[in-house]
Amino acid sequence: KILFSGDLGAAVFKDEPYPIVEDFESHVQLMEGFHRRYLASSSVIKKW
């Protein structure tokens, strides 16, 4: 029941990396820049 998502869900670490997300709200800050710039559109996200 694991989805290998490729670049979706990617995060760019600023400090010490960690393997598992423990605090999602803090982790969003590491995902947001990549997802806003690299994903095509919100309509494509909704389709997925």
All heavy atoms as atom14 arrays in JSON, in Angstrom:
{
  "sequence": "KILFSGDLGAAVFKDEPYPIVEDFESHVQLMEGFHRRYLASSSVIKKW",
  "atom14_mask": [
    [1, 1, 1, 1, 1, 1, 1, 1, 1, 0, 0, 0, 0, 0],
    [1, 1, 1, 1, 1, 1, 1, 1, 0, 0, 0, 0, 0, 0],
    [1, 1, 1, 1, 1, 1, 1, 1, 0, 0, 0, 0, 0, 0],
    [1, 1, 1, 1, 1, 1, 1, 1, 1, 1, 1, 0, 0, 0],
    [1, 1, 1, 1, 1, 1, 0, 0, 0, 0, 0, 0, 0, 0],
    [1, 1, 1, 1, 0, 0, 0, 0, 0, 0, 0, 0, 0, 0],
    [1, 1, 1, 1, 1, 1, 1, 1, 0, 0, 0, 0, 0, 0],
    [1, 1, 1, 1, 1, 1, 1, 1, 0, 0, 0, 0, 0, 0],
    [1, 1, 1, 1, 0, 0, 0, 0, 0, 0, 0, 0, 0, 0],
    [1, 1, 1, 1, 1, 0, 0, 0, 0, 0, 0, 0, 0, 0],
    [1, 1, 1, 1, 1, 0, 0, 0, 0, 0, 0, 0, 0, 0],
    [1, 1, 1, 1, 1, 1, 1, 0, 0, 0, 0, 0, 0, 0],
    [1, 1, 1, 1, 1, 1, 1, 1, 1, 1, 1, 0, 0, 0],
    [1, 1, 1, 1, 1, 1, 1, 1, 1, 0, 0, 0, 0, 0],
    [1, 1, 1, 1, 1, 1, 1, 1, 0, 0, 0, 0, 0, 0],
    [1, 1, 1, 1, 1, 1, 1, 1, 1, 0, 0, 0, 0, 0],
    [1, 1, 1, 1, 1, 1, 1, 0, 0, 0, 0, 0, 0, 0],
    [1, 1, 1, 1, 1, 1, 1, 1, 1, 1, 1, 1, 0, 0],
    [1, 1, 1, 1, 1, 1, 1, 0, 0, 0, 0, 0, 0, 0],
    [1, 1, 1, 1, 1, 1, 1, 1, 0, 0, 0, 0, 0, 0],
    [1, 1, 1, 1, 1, 1, 1, 0, 0, 0, 0, 0, 0, 0],
    [1, 1, 1, 1, 1, 1, 1, 1, 1, 0, 0, 0, 0, 0],
    [1, 1, 1, 1, 1, 1, 1, 1, 0, 0, 0, 0, 0, 0],
    [1, 1, 1, 1, 1, 1, 1, 1, 1, 1, 1, 0, 0, 0],
    [1, 1, 1, 1, 1, 1, 1, 1, 1, 0, 0, 0, 0, 0],
    [1, 1, 1, 1, 1, 1, 0, 0, 0, 0, 0, 0, 0, 0],
    [1, 1, 1, 1, 1, 1, 1, 1, 1, 1, 0, 0, 0, 0],
    [1, 1, 1, 1, 1, 1, 1, 0, 0, 0, 0, 0, 0, 0],
    [1, 1, 1, 1, 1, 1, 1, 1, 1, 0, 0, 0, 0, 0],
    [1, 1, 1, 1, 1, 1, 1, 1, 0, 0, 0, 0, 0, 0],
    [1, 1, 1, 1, 1, 1, 1, 1, 0, 0, 0, 0, 0, 0],
    [1, 1, 1, 1, 1, 1, 1, 1, 1, 0, 0, 0, 0, 0],
    [1, 1, 1, 1, 0, 0, 0, 0, 0, 0, 0, 0, 0, 0],
    [1, 1, 1, 1, 1, 1, 1, 1, 1, 1, 1, 0, 0, 0],
    [1, 1, 1, 1, 1, 1, 1, 1, 1, 1, 0, 0, 0, 0],
    [1, 1, 1, 1, 1, 1, 1, 1, 1, 1, 1, 0, 0, 0],
    [1, 1, 1, 1, 1, 1, 1, 1, 1, 1, 1, 0, 0, 0],
    [1, 1, 1, 1, 1, 1, 1, 1, 1, 1, 1, 1, 0, 0],
    [1, 1, 1, 1, 1, 1, 1, 1, 0, 0, 0, 0, 0, 0],
    [1, 1, 1, 1, 1, 0, 0, 0, 0, 0, 0, 0, 0, 0],
    [1, 1, 1, 1, 1, 1, 0, 0, 0, 0, 0, 0, 0, 0],
    [1, 1, 1, 1, 1, 1, 0, 0, 0, 0, 0, 0, 0, 0],
    [1, 1, 1, 1, 1, 1, 0, 0, 0, 0, 0, 0, 0, 0],
    [1, 1, 1, 1, 1, 1, 1, 0, 0, 0, 0, 0, 0, 0],
    [1, 1, 1, 1, 1, 1, 1, 1, 0, 0, 0, 0, 0, 0],
    [1, 1, 1, 1, 1, 1, 1, 1, 1, 0, 0, 0, 0, 0],
    [1, 1, 1, 1, 1, 1, 1, 1, 1, 0, 0, 0, 0, 0],
    [1, 1, 1, 1, 1, 1, 1, 1, 1, 1, 1, 1, 1, 1]
  ],
  "atom14_positions": [
    [[0.83, -1.21, 0.0], [0.0, 0.0, 0.0], [0.86, 1.26, 0.0], [0.52, 2.28, 0.61], [-0.97, 0.0, 1.18], [-1.93, -1.19, 1.16], [-2.89, -1.17, 2.33], [-3.81, -2.4, 2.28], [-4.75, -2.45, 3.42], [0.0, 0.0, 0.0], [0.0, 0.0, 0.0], [0.0, 0.0, 0.0], [0.0, 0.0, 0.0], [0.0, 0.0, 0.0]],
    [[1.99, 1.17, -0.71], [2.91, 2.31, -0.84], [2.83, 2.84, -2.27], [2.89, 2.07, -3.23], [4.36, 1.9, -0.51], [4.47, 1.47, 0.96], [5.33, 3.05, -0.8], [5.83, 0.94, 1.35], [0.0, 0.0, 0.0], [0.0, 0.0, 0.0], [0.0, 0.0, 0.0], [0.0, 0.0, 0.0], [0.0, 0.0, 0.0], [0.0, 0.0, 0.0]],
    [[2.71, 4.16, -2.38], [2.75, 4.83, -3.68], [4.12, 5.47, -3.85], [4.52, 6.33, -3.06], [1.68, 5.91, -3.77], [1.72, 6.78, -5.03], [1.35, 5.97, -6.27], [0.8, 8.0, -4.9], [0.0, 0.0, 0.0], [0.0, 0.0, 0.0], [0.0, 0.0, 0.0], [0.0, 0.0, 0.0], [0.0, 0.0, 0.0], [0.0, 0.0, 0.0]],
    [[4.87, 5.03, -4.88], [6.11, 5.71, -5.26], [5.71, 6.86, -6.16], [5.26, 6.66, -7.29], [7.06, 4.75, -5.96], [8.26, 5.43, -6.54], [9.09, 6.2, -5.75], [8.57, 5.3, -7.89], [10.19, 6.84, -6.28], [9.67, 5.93, -8.44], [10.48, 6.71, -7.63], [0.0, 0.0, 0.0], [0.0, 0.0, 0.0], [0.0, 0.0, 0.0]],
    [[5.85, 8.08, -5.66], [5.24, 9.26, -6.29], [6.2, 10.07, -7.16], [5.8, 11.1, -7.71], [4.65, 10.17, -5.21], [5.67, 10.61, -4.33], [0.0, 0.0, 0.0], [0.0, 0.0, 0.0], [0.0, 0.0, 0.0], [0.0, 0.0, 0.0], [0.0, 0.0, 0.0], [0.0, 0.0, 0.0], [0.0, 0.0, 0.0], [0.0, 0.0, 0.0]],
    [[7.47, 9.63, -7.3], [8.41, 10.42, -8.08], [8.62, 11.79, -7.46], [8.82, 11.9, -6.24], [0.0, 0.0, 0.0], [0.0, 0.0, 0.0], [0.0, 0.0, 0.0], [0.0, 0.0, 0.0], [0.0, 0.0, 0.0], [0.0, 0.0, 0.0], [0.0, 0.0, 0.0], [0.0, 0.0, 0.0], [0.0, 0.0, 0.0], [0.0, 0.0, 0.0]],
    [[8.54, 12.84, -8.26], [8.8, 14.19, -7.75], [7.63, 14.78, -6.97], [7.78, 15.82, -6.33], [9.15, 15.12, -8.92], [10.6, 14.98, -9.35], [11.38, 14.37, -8.6], [10.95, 15.47, -10.43], [0.0, 0.0, 0.0], [0.0, 0.0, 0.0], [0.0, 0.0, 0.0], [0.0, 0.0, 0.0], [0.0, 0.0, 0.0], [0.0, 0.0, 0.0]],
    [[6.46, 14.17, -7.04], [5.33, 14.68, -6.26], [5.55, 14.33, -4.79], [5.77, 13.17, -4.43], [4.03, 14.03, -6.77], [2.77, 14.86, -6.58], [2.87, 16.19, -7.3], [1.55, 14.09, -7.08], [0.0, 0.0, 0.0], [0.0, 0.0, 0.0], [0.0, 0.0, 0.0], [0.0, 0.0, 0.0], [0.0, 0.0, 0.0], [0.0, 0.0, 0.0]],
    [[5.53, 15.36, -3.96], [5.88, 15.17, -2.56], [7.33, 15.51, -2.27], [7.78, 15.37, -1.12], [0.0, 0.0, 0.0], [0.0, 0.0, 0.0], [0.0, 0.0, 0.0], [0.0, 0.0, 0.0], [0.0, 0.0, 0.0], [0.0, 0.0, 0.0], [0.0, 0.0, 0.0], [0.0, 0.0, 0.0], [0.0, 0.0, 0.0], [0.0, 0.0, 0.0]],
    [[8.05, 15.96, -3.29], [9.47, 16.31, -3.1], [9.63, 17.47, -2.13], [8.82, 18.4, -2.09], [10.09, 16.68, -4.45], [0.0, 0.0, 0.0], [0.0, 0.0, 0.0], [0.0, 0.0, 0.0], [0.0, 0.0, 0.0], [0.0, 0.0, 0.0], [0.0, 0.0, 0.0], [0.0, 0.0, 0.0], [0.0, 0.0, 0.0], [0.0, 0.0, 0.0]],
    [[10.68, 17.41, -1.34], [11.03, 18.47, -0.41], [12.5, 18.81, -0.58], [13.31, 17.94, -0.9], [10.76, 18.05, 1.03], [0.0, 0.0, 0.0], [0.0, 0.0, 0.0], [0.0, 0.0, 0.0], [0.0, 0.0, 0.0], [0.0, 0.0, 0.0], [0.0, 0.0, 0.0], [0.0, 0.0, 0.0], [0.0, 0.0, 0.0], [0.0, 0.0, 0.0]],
    [[12.83, 20.07, -0.36], [14.21, 20.53, -0.45], [14.65, 20.91, 0.96], [14.2, 21.9, 1.53], [14.34, 21.73, -1.4], [15.79, 22.19, -1.47], [13.82, 21.38, -2.79], [0.0, 0.0, 0.0], [0.0, 0.0, 0.0], [0.0, 0.0, 0.0], [0.0, 0.0, 0.0], [0.0, 0.0, 0.0], [0.0, 0.0, 0.0], [0.0, 0.0, 0.0]],
    [[15.54, 20.1, 1.53], [15.99, 20.34, 2.91], [16.87, 21.58, 2.98], [17.74, 21.8, 2.15], [16.75, 19.13, 3.43], [15.9, 17.9, 3.63], [16.16, 16.74, 2.9], [14.85, 17.9, 4.52], [15.39, 15.61, 3.08], [14.07, 16.78, 4.71], [14.34, 15.63, 3.99], [0.0, 0.0, 0.0], [0.0, 0.0, 0.0], [0.0, 0.0, 0.0]],
    [[16.65, 22.35, 4.04], [17.48, 23.54, 4.28], [18.57, 23.23, 5.31], [19.66, 23.79, 5.25], [16.61, 24.69, 4.77], [15.58, 25.15, 3.74], [14.7, 26.25, 4.3], [13.66, 26.69, 3.27], [12.74, 27.72, 3.8], [0.0, 0.0, 0.0], [0.0, 0.0, 0.0], [0.0, 0.0, 0.0], [0.0, 0.0, 0.0], [0.0, 0.0, 0.0]],
    [[18.24, 22.38, 6.24], [19.19, 22.03, 7.3], [19.4, 20.52, 7.3], [19.55, 19.92, 6.26], [18.66, 22.53, 8.66], [18.48, 24.05, 8.68], [19.45, 24.75, 8.35], [17.37, 24.51, 9.0], [0.0, 0.0, 0.0], [0.0, 0.0, 0.0], [0.0, 0.0, 0.0], [0.0, 0.0, 0.0], [0.0, 0.0, 0.0], [0.0, 0.0, 0.0]],
    [[19.38, 19.91, 8.47], [19.61, 18.46, 8.58], [18.44, 17.69, 7.97], [17.29, 17.89, 8.35], [19.77, 18.09, 10.06], [20.22, 16.67, 10.3], [21.66, 16.42, 9.88], [22.44, 17.4, 9.83], [22.0, 15.26, 9.6], [0.0, 0.0, 0.0], [0.0, 0.0, 0.0], [0.0, 0.0, 0.0], [0.0, 0.0, 0.0], [0.0, 0.0, 0.0]],
    [[18.7, 16.81, 7.01], [17.61, 16.04, 6.4], [17.05, 14.99, 7.36], [17.73, 14.55, 8.28], [18.27, 15.39, 5.19], [19.7, 15.29, 5.56], [20.01, 16.48, 6.41], [0.0, 0.0, 0.0], [0.0, 0.0, 0.0], [0.0, 0.0, 0.0], [0.0, 0.0, 0.0], [0.0, 0.0, 0.0], [0.0, 0.0, 0.0], [0.0, 0.0, 0.0]],
    [[15.82, 14.61, 7.14], [15.2, 13.55, 7.93], [14.41, 12.64, 6.98], [13.87, 13.1, 5.98], [14.28, 14.13, 9.01], [13.34, 15.2, 8.52], [12.09, 14.9, 7.97], [13.69, 16.56, 8.62], [11.22, 15.89, 7.53], [12.83, 17.55, 8.18], [11.6, 17.22, 7.64], [10.75, 18.2, 7.2], [0.0, 0.0, 0.0], [0.0, 0.0, 0.0]],
    [[14.33, 11.35, 7.29], [13.73, 10.4, 6.34], [12.21, 10.32, 6.37], [11.59, 9.97, 5.37], [14.35, 9.06, 6.74], [14.67, 9.22, 8.18], [15.03, 10.66, 8.39], [0.0, 0.0, 0.0], [0.0, 0.0, 0.0], [0.0, 0.0, 0.0], [0.0, 0.0, 0.0], [0.0, 0.0, 0.0], [0.0, 0.0, 0.0], [0.0, 0.0, 0.0]],
    [[11.57, 10.6, 7.52], [10.13, 10.45, 7.68], [9.53, 11.79, 8.13], [10.08, 12.47, 9.0], [9.78, 9.37, 8.73], [10.45, 8.04, 8.38], [8.27, 9.21, 8.87], [9.9, 7.35, 7.16], [0.0, 0.0, 0.0], [0.0, 0.0, 0.0], [0.0, 0.0, 0.0], [0.0, 0.0, 0.0], [0.0, 0.0, 0.0], [0.0, 0.0, 0.0]],
    [[8.4, 12.17, 7.53], [7.71, 13.4, 7.94], [7.04, 13.16, 9.29], [6.2, 12.27, 9.43], [6.65, 13.81, 6.9], [5.89, 15.04, 7.38], [7.29, 14.08, 5.55], [0.0, 0.0, 0.0], [0.0, 0.0, 0.0], [0.0, 0.0, 0.0], [0.0, 0.0, 0.0], [0.0, 0.0, 0.0], [0.0, 0.0, 0.0], [0.0, 0.0, 0.0]],
    [[7.41, 13.97, 10.27], [6.79, 13.89, 11.6], [5.83, 15.06, 11.83], [4.79, 14.9, 12.46], [7.88, 13.89, 12.69], [8.9, 12.77, 12.57], [8.33, 11.41, 12.93], [7.19, 11.36, 13.46], [9.01, 10.39, 12.68], [0.0, 0.0, 0.0], [0.0, 0.0, 0.0], [0.0, 0.0, 0.0], [0.0, 0.0, 0.0], [0.0, 0.0, 0.0]],
    [[6.19, 16.24, 11.34], [5.39, 17.45, 11.52], [5.03, 17.98, 10.13], [5.84, 18.64, 9.48], [6.2, 18.48, 12.31], [5.44, 19.77, 12.57], [4.42, 20.03, 11.9], [5.89, 20.56, 13.43], [0.0, 0.0, 0.0], [0.0, 0.0, 0.0], [0.0, 0.0, 0.0], [0.0, 0.0, 0.0], [0.0, 0.0, 0.0], [0.0, 0.0, 0.0]],
    [[3.83, 17.68, 9.67], [3.47, 18.01, 8.29], [3.45, 19.53, 8.07], [3.92, 20.01, 7.02], [2.1, 17.43, 7.93], [1.75, 17.64, 6.48], [2.25, 16.79, 5.5], [0.95, 18.71, 6.07], [1.96, 17.0, 4.16], [0.66, 18.92, 4.74], [1.16, 18.06, 3.78], [0.0, 0.0, 0.0], [0.0, 0.0, 0.0], [0.0, 0.0, 0.0]],
    [[2.93, 20.27, 9.02], [2.82, 21.72, 8.85], [4.2, 22.36, 8.65], [4.35, 23.27, 7.83], [2.1, 22.34, 10.05], [0.6, 22.09, 10.07], [0.21, 20.62, 10.27], [0.96, 19.9, 10.99], [-0.8, 20.18, 9.71], [0.0, 0.0, 0.0], [0.0, 0.0, 0.0], [0.0, 0.0, 0.0], [0.0, 0.0, 0.0], [0.0, 0.0, 0.0]],
    [[5.2, 21.9, 9.36], [6.57, 22.41, 9.17], [7.15, 21.91, 7.85], [7.87, 22.64, 7.16], [7.47, 21.99, 10.32], [7.04, 22.56, 11.53], [0.0, 0.0, 0.0], [0.0, 0.0, 0.0], [0.0, 0.0, 0.0], [0.0, 0.0, 0.0], [0.0, 0.0, 0.0], [0.0, 0.0, 0.0], [0.0, 0.0, 0.0], [0.0, 0.0, 0.0]],
    [[6.82, 20.68, 7.5], [7.38, 20.08, 6.28], [6.86, 20.77, 5.02], [7.57, 20.81, 4.01], [7.03, 18.59, 6.24], [7.72, 17.82, 5.17], [9.09, 17.6, 5.17], [7.26, 17.24, 4.03], [9.43, 16.91, 4.1], [8.34, 16.68, 3.39], [0.0, 0.0, 0.0], [0.0, 0.0, 0.0], [0.0, 0.0, 0.0], [0.0, 0.0, 0.0]],
    [[5.67, 21.33, 5.07], [5.09, 22.02, 3.92], [6.03, 23.11, 3.42], [6.16, 23.34, 2.2], [3.71, 22.62, 4.27], [3.3, 23.69, 3.26], [2.66, 21.52, 4.31], [0.0, 0.0, 0.0], [0.0, 0.0, 0.0], [0.0, 0.0, 0.0], [0.0, 0.0, 0.0], [0.0, 0.0, 0.0], [0.0, 0.0, 0.0], [0.0, 0.0, 0.0]],
    [[6.71, 23.78, 4.32], [7.62, 24.86, 3.92], [8.74, 24.35, 3.03], [9.27, 25.1, 2.2], [8.22, 25.52, 5.17], [7.18, 26.1, 6.12], [7.8, 26.56, 7.43], [8.93, 27.07, 7.45], [7.1, 26.35, 8.53], [0.0, 0.0, 0.0], [0.0, 0.0, 0.0], [0.0, 0.0, 0.0], [0.0, 0.0, 0.0], [0.0, 0.0, 0.0]],
    [[9.11, 23.08, 3.18], [10.18, 22.5, 2.37], [9.66, 21.97, 1.03], [10.45, 21.72, 0.11], [10.85, 21.35, 3.14], [11.36, 21.68, 4.54], [12.06, 20.47, 5.15], [12.31, 22.88, 4.52], [0.0, 0.0, 0.0], [0.0, 0.0, 0.0], [0.0, 0.0, 0.0], [0.0, 0.0, 0.0], [0.0, 0.0, 0.0], [0.0, 0.0, 0.0]],
    [[8.35, 21.77, 0.91], [7.75, 21.28, -0.33], [7.2, 22.4, -1.21], [7.14, 22.25, -2.44], [6.59, 20.32, 0.0], [6.98, 19.04, 0.7], [5.6, 17.84, 0.71], [4.4, 18.7, 1.72], [0.0, 0.0, 0.0], [0.0, 0.0, 0.0], [0.0, 0.0, 0.0], [0.0, 0.0, 0.0], [0.0, 0.0, 0.0], [0.0, 0.0, 0.0]],
    [[6.79, 23.48, -0.61], [5.99, 24.48, -1.32], [6.68, 25.1, -2.52], [6.1, 25.21, -3.61], [5.54, 25.58, -0.36], [4.49, 26.5, -0.97], [3.82, 27.35, 0.08], [4.38, 27.52, 1.19], [2.71, 27.86, -0.22], [0.0, 0.0, 0.0], [0.0, 0.0, 0.0], [0.0, 0.0, 0.0], [0.0, 0.0, 0.0], [0.0, 0.0, 0.0]],
    [[7.93, 25.52, -2.38], [8.63, 26.18, -3.47], [8.73, 25.3, -4.71], [8.45, 25.74, -5.83], [0.0, 0.0, 0.0], [0.0, 0.0, 0.0], [0.0, 0.0, 0.0], [0.0, 0.0, 0.0], [0.0, 0.0, 0.0], [0.0, 0.0, 0.0], [0.0, 0.0, 0.0], [0.0, 0.0, 0.0], [0.0, 0.0, 0.0], [0.0, 0.0, 0.0]],
    [[9.11, 24.04, -4.51], [9.23, 23.12, -5.64], [7.87, 22.9, -6.31], [7.75, 22.97, -7.54], [9.8, 21.78, -5.18], [9.78, 20.73, -6.25], [10.8, 20.64, -7.18], [8.71, 19.85, -6.36], [10.77, 19.69, -8.19], [8.66, 18.89, -7.36], [9.7, 18.81, -8.28], [0.0, 0.0, 0.0], [0.0, 0.0, 0.0], [0.0, 0.0, 0.0]],
    [[6.87, 22.61, -5.54], [5.57, 22.27, -6.11], [4.92, 23.45, -6.83], [4.3, 23.28, -7.89], [4.63, 21.73, -5.02], [4.96, 20.34, -4.59], [6.06, 20.04, -3.81], [4.36, 19.15, -4.83], [6.11, 18.74, -3.59], [5.08, 18.17, -4.2], [0.0, 0.0, 0.0], [0.0, 0.0, 0.0], [0.0, 0.0, 0.0], [0.0, 0.0, 0.0]],
    [[5.08, 24.64, -6.3], [4.49, 25.81, -6.96], [5.16, 26.08, -8.31], [4.51, 26.47, -9.27], [4.62, 27.05, -6.05], [3.54, 27.12, -4.99], [3.8, 28.23, -3.99], [4.01, 29.53, -4.62], [3.02, 30.34, -5.03], [1.76, 29.97, -4.89], [3.29, 31.51, -5.56], [0.0, 0.0, 0.0], [0.0, 0.0, 0.0], [0.0, 0.0, 0.0]],
    [[6.46, 25.85, -8.39], [7.2, 26.21, -9.61], [7.24, 25.09, -10.65], [7.23, 25.35, -11.85], [8.63, 26.6, -9.23], [9.47, 27.11, -10.39], [8.86, 28.4, -10.97], [9.68, 28.95, -12.02], [9.59, 28.61, -13.3], [8.7, 27.71, -13.69], [10.36, 29.18, -14.2], [0.0, 0.0, 0.0], [0.0, 0.0, 0.0], [0.0, 0.0, 0.0]],
    [[7.25, 23.83, -10.2], [7.49, 22.72, -11.13], [6.23, 22.01, -11.61], [6.25, 21.37, -12.65], [8.43, 21.69, -10.48], [9.88, 22.08, -10.55], [10.4, 23.05, -9.69], [10.75, 21.5, -11.47], [11.74, 23.43, -9.76], [12.08, 21.86, -11.54], [12.58, 22.83, -10.68], [13.89, 23.2, -10.73], [0.0, 0.0, 0.0], [0.0, 0.0, 0.0]],
    [[5.14, 22.09, -10.87], [3.91, 21.43, -11.31], [3.16, 22.33, -12.28], [3.18, 23.54, -12.16], [3.02, 21.08, -10.11], [3.67, 20.23, -9.02], [2.62, 19.77, -8.02], [4.43, 19.04, -9.58], [0.0, 0.0, 0.0], [0.0, 0.0, 0.0], [0.0, 0.0, 0.0], [0.0, 0.0, 0.0], [0.0, 0.0, 0.0], [0.0, 0.0, 0.0]],
    [[2.46, 21.7, -13.24], [1.91, 22.46, -14.37], [0.73, 23.36, -13.98], [0.65, 24.5, -14.41], [1.48, 21.5, -15.48], [0.0, 0.0, 0.0], [0.0, 0.0, 0.0], [0.0, 0.0, 0.0], [0.0, 0.0, 0.0], [0.0, 0.0, 0.0], [0.0, 0.0, 0.0], [0.0, 0.0, 0.0], [0.0, 0.0, 0.0], [0.0, 0.0, 0.0]],
    [[-0.21, 22.83, -13.18], [-1.39, 23.63, -12.83], [-2.21, 22.91, -11.77], [-2.07, 21.69, -11.58], [-2.28, 23.84, -14.06], [-2.92, 22.65, -14.45], [0.0, 0.0, 0.0], [0.0, 0.0, 0.0], [0.0, 0.0, 0.0], [0.0, 0.0, 0.0], [0.0, 0.0, 0.0], [0.0, 0.0, 0.0], [0.0, 0.0, 0.0], [0.0, 0.0, 0.0]],
    [[-3.08, 23.66, -11.11], [-3.95, 23.06, -10.1], [-4.95, 22.1, -10.72], [-5.36, 21.12, -10.09], [-4.69, 24.15, -9.32], [-5.44, 24.97, -10.2], [0.0, 0.0, 0.0], [0.0, 0.0, 0.0], [0.0, 0.0, 0.0], [0.0, 0.0, 0.0], [0.0, 0.0, 0.0], [0.0, 0.0, 0.0], [0.0, 0.0, 0.0], [0.0, 0.0, 0.0]],
    [[-5.35, 22.32, -11.97], [-6.3, 21.42, -12.63], [-5.68, 20.04, -12.85], [-6.36, 19.01, -12.75], [-6.78, 22.01, -13.96], [-5.7, 22.18, -14.86], [0.0, 0.0, 0.0], [0.0, 0.0, 0.0], [0.0, 0.0, 0.0], [0.0, 0.0, 0.0], [0.0, 0.0, 0.0], [0.0, 0.0, 0.0], [0.0, 0.0, 0.0], [0.0, 0.0, 0.0]],
    [[-4.39, 20.0, -13.14], [-3.7, 18.71, -13.31], [-3.61, 17.99, -11.96], [-3.79, 16.77, -11.89], [-2.29, 18.93, -13.9], [-1.55, 17.61, -14.0], [-2.39, 19.57, -15.28], [0.0, 0.0, 0.0], [0.0, 0.0, 0.0], [0.0, 0.0, 0.0], [0.0, 0.0, 0.0], [0.0, 0.0, 0.0], [0.0, 0.0, 0.0], [0.0, 0.0, 0.0]],
    [[-3.35, 18.73, -10.89], [-3.31, 18.12, -9.56], [-4.66, 17.48, -9.23], [-4.72, 16.35, -8.74], [-2.96, 19.18, -8.48], [-1.51, 19.64, -8.65], [-3.18, 18.61, -7.09], [-1.12, 20.78, -7.72], [0.0, 0.0, 0.0], [0.0, 0.0, 0.0], [0.0, 0.0, 0.0], [0.0, 0.0, 0.0], [0.0, 0.0, 0.0], [0.0, 0.0, 0.0]],
    [[-5.74, 18.2, -9.51], [-7.07, 17.67, -9.19], [-7.38, 16.41, -10.0], [-8.01, 15.47, -9.49], [-8.12, 18.75, -9.41], [-8.07, 19.87, -8.37], [-9.1, 20.95, -8.64], [-9.15, 21.96, -7.5], [-7.89, 22.67, -7.3], [0.0, 0.0, 0.0], [0.0, 0.0, 0.0], [0.0, 0.0, 0.0], [0.0, 0.0, 0.0], [0.0, 0.0, 0.0]],
    [[-6.95, 16.37, -11.25], [-7.12, 15.16, -12.06], [-6.39, 13.99, -11.42], [-6.94, 12.87, -11.32], [-6.59, 15.41, -13.48], [-6.57, 14.18, -14.39], [-7.96, 13.7, -14.71], [-7.93, 12.55, -15.7], [-9.28, 12.01, -15.97], [0.0, 0.0, 0.0], [0.0, 0.0, 0.0], [0.0, 0.0, 0.0], [0.0, 0.0, 0.0], [0.0, 0.0, 0.0]],
    [[-5.16, 14.22, -10.99], [-4.38, 13.18, -10.34], [-5.03, 12.72, -9.03], [-5.12, 11.51, -8.75], [-2.95, 13.7, -10.08], [-2.08, 12.75, -9.35], [-1.4, 11.67, -9.84], [-1.78, 12.78, -7.93], [-0.69, 11.05, -8.85], [-0.9, 11.7, -7.68], [-2.15, 13.63, -6.89], [-0.4, 11.45, -6.4], [-1.66, 13.37, -5.61], [-0.8, 12.29, -5.38]]
  ]
}
